[in-house]
Amino acid sequence: MNSNIYKYMTIYEFIWGIIMARKTVALSLDQDIYEQYQKYCEEYHMILSRKVESLMKKDLEGKRGKS
């Protein structure tokens, strides 16, 4: 790895990398639902994984309010 990698990163990219660690996961989904939702995301210029993440976050926030 290039030891000078940090000079090519913006401060925002560096901070975002520290704050928001990303995790790659594999999911098993109904193929038809997945394809329909993927088209929906493309149509509205959304990133499918970010949309799923947003739905997960909303579920967790709702659960916190019920505790």
Protein backbone atom coordinates (compact mmCIF):
# COMPACT_ATOMS: atom_id res chain seq x y z
CA MET A 1 0.00 0.00 0.00
CA ASN A 2 1.24 3.46 -0.85
CA SER A 3 2.34 5.26 2.29
CA ASN A 4 1.40 8.57 0.66
CA ILE A 5 -2.27 7.59 0.28
CA TYR A 6 -3.41 10.20 2.82
CA LYS A 7 -2.16 13.12 0.76
CA TYR A 8 -4.64 12.11 -1.97
CA MET A 9 -7.60 11.98 0.41
CA THR A 10 -9.63 15.00 1.32
CA ILE A 11 -10.18 15.72 4.99
CA TYR A 12 -13.82 14.76 4.50
CA GLU A 13 -12.90 11.36 3.04
CA PHE A 14 -10.47 10.71 5.88
CA ILE A 15 -12.97 11.65 8.61
CA TRP A 16 -15.85 9.81 6.90
CA GLY A 17 -13.71 6.67 6.75
CA ILE A 18 -13.11 6.83 10.48
CA ILE A 19 -16.70 7.60 11.45
CA MET A 20 -18.50 5.30 9.02
CA ALA A 21 -16.86 1.88 8.83
CA ARG A 22 -18.53 -0.16 6.09
CA LYS A 23 -19.37 -3.86 6.27
CA THR A 24 -19.95 -6.03 3.21
CA VAL A 25 -22.64 -8.67 3.74
CA ALA A 26 -24.37 -11.35 1.70
CA LEU A 27 -28.17 -11.55 1.79
CA SER A 28 -30.57 -14.17 0.53
CA LEU A 29 -33.60 -12.42 -0.99
CA ASP A 30 -36.54 -13.35 -3.15
CA GLN A 31 -35.24 -12.81 -6.68
CA ASP A 32 -38.36 -11.08 -8.01
CA ILE A 33 -38.56 -8.69 -5.05
CA TYR A 34 -34.84 -7.93 -5.33
CA GLU A 35 -35.05 -7.18 -9.06
CA GLN A 36 -38.13 -4.98 -8.63
CA TYR A 37 -36.53 -3.05 -5.78
CA GLN A 38 -33.28 -2.69 -7.68
CA LYS A 39 -35.18 -1.14 -10.61
CA TYR A 40 -37.05 1.13 -8.19
CA CYS A 41 -33.76 2.34 -6.72
CA GLU A 42 -32.27 2.92 -10.17
CA GLU A 43 -35.37 4.85 -11.27
CA TYR A 44 -35.12 7.20 -8.28
CA HIS A 45 -31.30 7.39 -8.34
CA MET A 46 -30.81 5.60 -5.03
CA ILE A 47 -28.08 3.20 -4.03
CA LEU A 48 -29.79 -0.05 -3.08
CA SER A 49 -27.46 -0.84 -0.17
CA ARG A 50 -27.90 2.66 1.29
CA LYS A 51 -31.68 2.30 1.03
CA VAL A 52 -31.57 -1.04 2.86
CA GLU A 53 -29.31 0.56 5.47
CA SER A 54 -31.80 3.40 5.89
CA LEU A 55 -34.68 0.94 6.41
CA MET A 56 -32.63 -0.95 9.00
CA LYS A 57 -31.81 2.29 10.81
CA LYS A 58 -35.50 3.31 10.89
CA ASP A 59 -36.42 -0.08 12.35
CA LEU A 60 -33.79 0.30 15.07
CA GLU A 61 -34.88 3.86 15.89
CA GLY A 62 -38.49 2.70 16.17
CA LYS A 63 -37.46 -0.10 18.49
CA ARG A 64 -35.59 2.33 20.77
CA GLY A 65 -38.71 4.44 21.13
CA LYS A 66 -40.72 1.41 22.32
CA SER A 67 -38.26 0.30 25.02
